[in-house]
Amino acid sequence: MNRIGIDLGGTKIEAILLSSTNKVVERTRIPTNQQDGYEASLKG
């Protein structure tokens, strides 16, 4: 079974997909602008 991890931070949003053997399948990092607030990050 694959697992997903998501980090919603003030400077970035990061997501990772792990395989059932805990190997990284995919990793994505999107920088965010803390001054714009979380709503700007959610809008994309």
PDB file of N, CA and C in Angstrom:
ATOM      1  N   MET A   1       0.838  -1.174   0.000  1.00  0.00           N
ATOM      2  CA  MET A   1       0.000   0.000   0.000  1.00  0.00           C
ATOM      3  C   MET A   1       0.889   1.245   0.000  1.00  0.00           C
ATOM      4  N   ASN A   2       0.622   2.168  -0.894  1.00  0.00           N
ATOM      5  CA  ASN A   2       1.353   3.433  -0.949  1.00  0.00           C
ATOM      6  C   ASN A   2       0.853   4.375   0.136  1.00  0.00           C
ATOM      7  N   ARG A   3       1.731   5.301   0.520  1.00  0.00           N
ATOM      8  CA  ARG A   3       1.363   6.304   1.519  1.00  0.00           C
ATOM      9  C   ARG A   3       1.711   7.688   0.995  1.00  0.00           C
ATOM     10  N   ILE A   4       0.941   8.668   1.444  1.00  0.00           N
ATOM     11  CA  ILE A   4       1.143  10.061   1.044  1.00  0.00           C
ATOM     12  C   ILE A   4       1.424  10.884   2.299  1.00  0.00           C
ATOM     13  N   GLY A   5       2.400  11.785   2.189  1.00  0.00           N
ATOM     14  CA  GLY A   5       2.680  12.736   3.255  1.00  0.00           C
ATOM     15  C   GLY A   5       2.605  14.143   2.694  1.00  0.00           C
ATOM     16  N   ILE A   6       2.013  15.062   3.448  1.00  0.00           N
ATOM     17  CA  ILE A   6       1.878  16.451   3.002  1.00  0.00           C
ATOM     18  C   ILE A   6       2.314  17.371   4.137  1.00  0.00           C
ATOM     19  N   ASP A   7       3.170  18.332   3.807  1.00  0.00           N
ATOM     20  CA  ASP A   7       3.652  19.331   4.758  1.00  0.00           C
ATOM     21  C   ASP A   7       3.181  20.696   4.284  1.00  0.00           C
ATOM     22  N   LEU A   8       2.270  21.294   5.027  1.00  0.00           N
ATOM     23  CA  LEU A   8       1.774  22.637   4.711  1.00  0.00           C
ATOM     24  C   LEU A   8       2.478  23.618   5.633  1.00  0.00           C
ATOM     25  N   GLY A   9       3.495  24.277   5.109  1.00  0.00           N
ATOM     26  CA  GLY A   9       4.285  25.180   5.931  1.00  0.00           C
ATOM     27  C   GLY A   9       4.186  26.618   5.464  1.00  0.00           C
ATOM     28  N   GLY A  10       4.864  27.494   6.180  1.00  0.00           N
ATOM     29  CA  GLY A  10       4.836  28.909   5.849  1.00  0.00           C
ATOM     30  C   GLY A  10       5.693  29.263   4.652  1.00  0.00           C
ATOM     31  N   THR A  11       6.689  28.422   4.343  1.00  0.00           N
ATOM     32  CA  THR A  11       7.586  28.716   3.222  1.00  0.00           C
ATOM     33  C   THR A  11       7.437  27.753   2.065  1.00  0.00           C
ATOM     34  N   LYS A  12       6.708  26.640   2.288  1.00  0.00           N
ATOM     35  CA  LYS A  12       6.562  25.657   1.217  1.00  0.00           C
ATOM     36  C   LYS A  12       5.390  24.728   1.497  1.00  0.00           C
ATOM     37  N   ILE A  13       4.932  24.105   0.424  1.00  0.00           N
ATOM     38  CA  ILE A  13       4.028  22.965   0.521  1.00  0.00           C
ATOM     39  C   ILE A  13       4.795  21.813  -0.107  1.00  0.00           C
ATOM     40  N   GLU A  14       4.931  20.724   0.632  1.00  0.00           N
ATOM     41  CA  GLU A  14       5.693  19.589   0.125  1.00  0.00           C
ATOM     42  C   GLU A  14       4.842  18.332   0.247  1.00  0.00           C
ATOM     43  N   ALA A  15       4.886  17.502  -0.797  1.00  0.00           N
ATOM     44  CA  ALA A  15       4.146  16.245  -0.795  1.00  0.00           C
ATOM     45  C   ALA A  15       5.091  15.125  -1.205  1.00  0.00           C
ATOM     46  N   ILE A  16       4.869  13.955  -0.624  1.00  0.00           N
ATOM     47  CA  ILE A  16       5.695  12.801  -0.940  1.00  0.00           C
ATOM     48  C   ILE A  16       4.802  11.567  -1.065  1.00  0.00           C
ATOM     49  N   LEU A  17       5.134  10.726  -2.018  1.00  0.00           N
ATOM     50  CA  LEU A  17       4.450   9.452  -2.202  1.00  0.00           C
ATOM     51  C   LEU A  17       5.462   8.356  -1.930  1.00  0.00           C
ATOM     52  N   LEU A  18       5.164   7.491  -0.952  1.00  0.00           N
ATOM     53  CA  LEU A  18       6.042   6.385  -0.593  1.00  0.00           C
ATOM     54  C   LEU A  18       5.420   5.065  -1.017  1.00  0.00           C
ATOM     55  N   SER A  19       6.265   4.157  -1.484  1.00  0.00           N
ATOM     56  CA  SER A  19       5.799   2.819  -1.843  1.00  0.00           C
ATOM     57  C   SER A  19       5.596   1.998  -0.571  1.00  0.00           C
ATOM     58  N   SER A  20       5.094   0.797  -0.722  1.00  0.00           N
ATOM     59  CA  SER A  20       4.872  -0.081   0.429  1.00  0.00           C
ATOM     60  C   SER A  20       6.182  -0.486   1.097  1.00  0.00           C
ATOM     61  N   THR A  21       7.304  -0.317   0.385  1.00  0.00           N
ATOM     62  CA  THR A  21       8.622  -0.616   0.957  1.00  0.00           C
ATOM     63  C   THR A  21       9.342   0.659   1.401  1.00  0.00           C
ATOM     64  N   ASN A  22       8.596   1.741   1.536  1.00  0.00           N
ATOM     65  CA  ASN A  22       9.104   3.041   2.004  1.00  0.00           C
ATOM     66  C   ASN A  22      10.113   3.694   1.067  1.00  0.00           C
ATOM     67  N   LYS A  23      10.051   3.380  -0.197  1.00  0.00           N
ATOM     68  CA  LYS A  23      10.886   4.061  -1.184  1.00  0.00           C
ATOM     69  C   LYS A  23      10.103   5.246  -1.744  1.00  0.00           C
ATOM     70  N   VAL A  24      10.821   6.350  -1.991  1.00  0.00           N
ATOM     71  CA  VAL A  24      10.186   7.550  -2.529  1.00  0.00           C
ATOM     72  C   VAL A  24       9.807   7.301  -3.985  1.00  0.00           C
ATOM     73  N   VAL A  25       8.516   7.393  -4.277  1.00  0.00           N
ATOM     74  CA  VAL A  25       8.016   7.240  -5.639  1.00  0.00           C
ATOM     75  C   VAL A  25       7.984   8.605  -6.323  1.00  0.00           C
ATOM     76  N   GLU A  26       7.511   9.600  -5.599  1.00  0.00           N
ATOM     77  CA  GLU A  26       7.396  10.966  -6.138  1.00  0.00           C
ATOM     78  C   GLU A  26       7.519  11.946  -4.984  1.00  0.00           C
ATOM     79  N   ARG A  27       8.151  13.070  -5.268  1.00  0.00           N
ATOM     80  CA  ARG A  27       8.282  14.134  -4.266  1.00  0.00           C
ATOM     81  C   ARG A  27       8.123  15.470  -4.976  1.00  0.00           C
ATOM     82  N   THR A  28       7.297  16.341  -4.415  1.00  0.00           N
ATOM     83  CA  THR A  28       7.033  17.647  -5.017  1.00  0.00           C
ATOM     84  C   THR A  28       7.125  18.720  -3.944  1.00  0.00           C
ATOM     85  N   ARG A  29       7.753  19.825  -4.301  1.00  0.00           N
ATOM     86  CA  ARG A  29       7.874  20.956  -3.378  1.00  0.00           C
ATOM     87  C   ARG A  29       7.472  22.228  -4.109  1.00  0.00           C
ATOM     88  N   ILE A  30       6.558  22.977  -3.504  1.00  0.00           N
ATOM     89  CA  ILE A  30       6.079  24.230  -4.082  1.00  0.00           C
ATOM     90  C   ILE A  30       6.343  25.337  -3.068  1.00  0.00           C
ATOM     91  N   PRO A  31       7.146  26.334  -3.434  1.00  0.00           N
ATOM     92  CA  PRO A  31       7.387  27.435  -2.498  1.00  0.00           C
ATOM     93  C   PRO A  31       6.126  28.278  -2.308  1.00  0.00           C
ATOM     94  N   THR A  32       5.961  28.805  -1.115  1.00  0.00           N
ATOM     95  CA  THR A  32       4.838  29.693  -0.821  1.00  0.00           C
ATOM     96  C   THR A  32       5.382  31.015  -0.301  1.00  0.00           C
ATOM     97  N   ASN A  33       4.592  32.040  -0.437  1.00  0.00           N
ATOM     98  CA  ASN A  33       4.967  33.353   0.072  1.00  0.00           C
ATOM     99  C   ASN A  33       4.195  33.591   1.357  1.00  0.00           C
ATOM    100  N   GLN A  34       4.889  33.555   2.465  1.00  0.00           N
ATOM    101  CA  GLN A  34       4.258  33.675   3.771  1.00  0.00           C
ATOM    102  C   GLN A  34       3.438  34.958   3.899  1.00  0.00           C
ATOM    103  N   GLN A  35       3.875  36.017   3.272  1.00  0.00           N
ATOM    104  CA  GLN A  35       3.188  37.307   3.379  1.00  0.00           C
ATOM    105  C   GLN A  35       1.837  37.309   2.672  1.00  0.00           C
ATOM    106  N   ASP A  36       1.652  36.416   1.690  1.00  0.00           N
ATOM    107  CA  ASP A  36       0.382  36.346   0.964  1.00  0.00           C
ATOM    108  C   ASP A  36      -0.683  35.576   1.731  1.00  0.00           C
ATOM    109  N   GLY A  37      -0.295  34.828   2.750  1.00  0.00           N
ATOM    110  CA  GLY A  37      -1.236  34.054   3.540  1.00  0.00           C
ATOM    111  C   GLY A  37      -1.576  32.716   2.899  1.00  0.00           C
ATOM    112  N   TYR A  38      -2.224  31.864   3.673  1.00  0.00           N
ATOM    113  CA  TYR A  38      -2.525  30.515   3.212  1.00  0.00           C
ATOM    114  C   TYR A  38      -3.530  30.492   2.069  1.00  0.00           C
ATOM    115  N   GLU A  39      -4.429  31.462   2.011  1.00  0.00           N
ATOM    116  CA  GLU A  39      -5.447  31.459   0.954  1.00  0.00           C
ATOM    117  C   GLU A  39      -4.818  31.574  -0.434  1.00  0.00           C
ATOM    118  N   ALA A  40      -3.754  32.350  -0.569  1.00  0.00           N
ATOM    119  CA  ALA A  40      -3.067  32.490  -1.858  1.00  0.00           C
ATOM    120  C   ALA A  40      -2.457  31.160  -2.282  1.00  0.00           C
ATOM    121  N   SER A  41      -1.937  30.396  -1.332  1.00  0.00           N
ATOM    122  CA  SER A  41      -1.348  29.094  -1.649  1.00  0.00           C
ATOM    123  C   SER A  41      -2.411  28.106  -2.101  1.00  0.00           C
ATOM    124  N   LEU A  42      -3.567  28.154  -1.478  1.00  0.00           N
ATOM    125  CA  LEU A  42      -4.639  27.231  -1.843  1.00  0.00           C
ATOM    126  C   LEU A  42      -5.207  27.540  -3.224  1.00  0.00           C
ATOM    127  N   LYS A  43      -5.201  28.806  -3.606  1.00  0.00           N
ATOM    128  CA  LYS A  43      -5.711  29.193  -4.923  1.00  0.00           C
ATOM    129  C   LYS A  43      -4.766  28.777  -6.034  1.00  0.00           C
ATOM    130  N   GLY A  44      -3.484  28.623  -5.711  1.00  0.00           N
ATOM    131  CA  GLY A  44      -2.490  28.206  -6.708  1.00  0.00           C
ATOM    132  C   GLY A  44      -1.954  29.336  -7.400  1.00  0.00           C
TER     133      GLY A  44
END
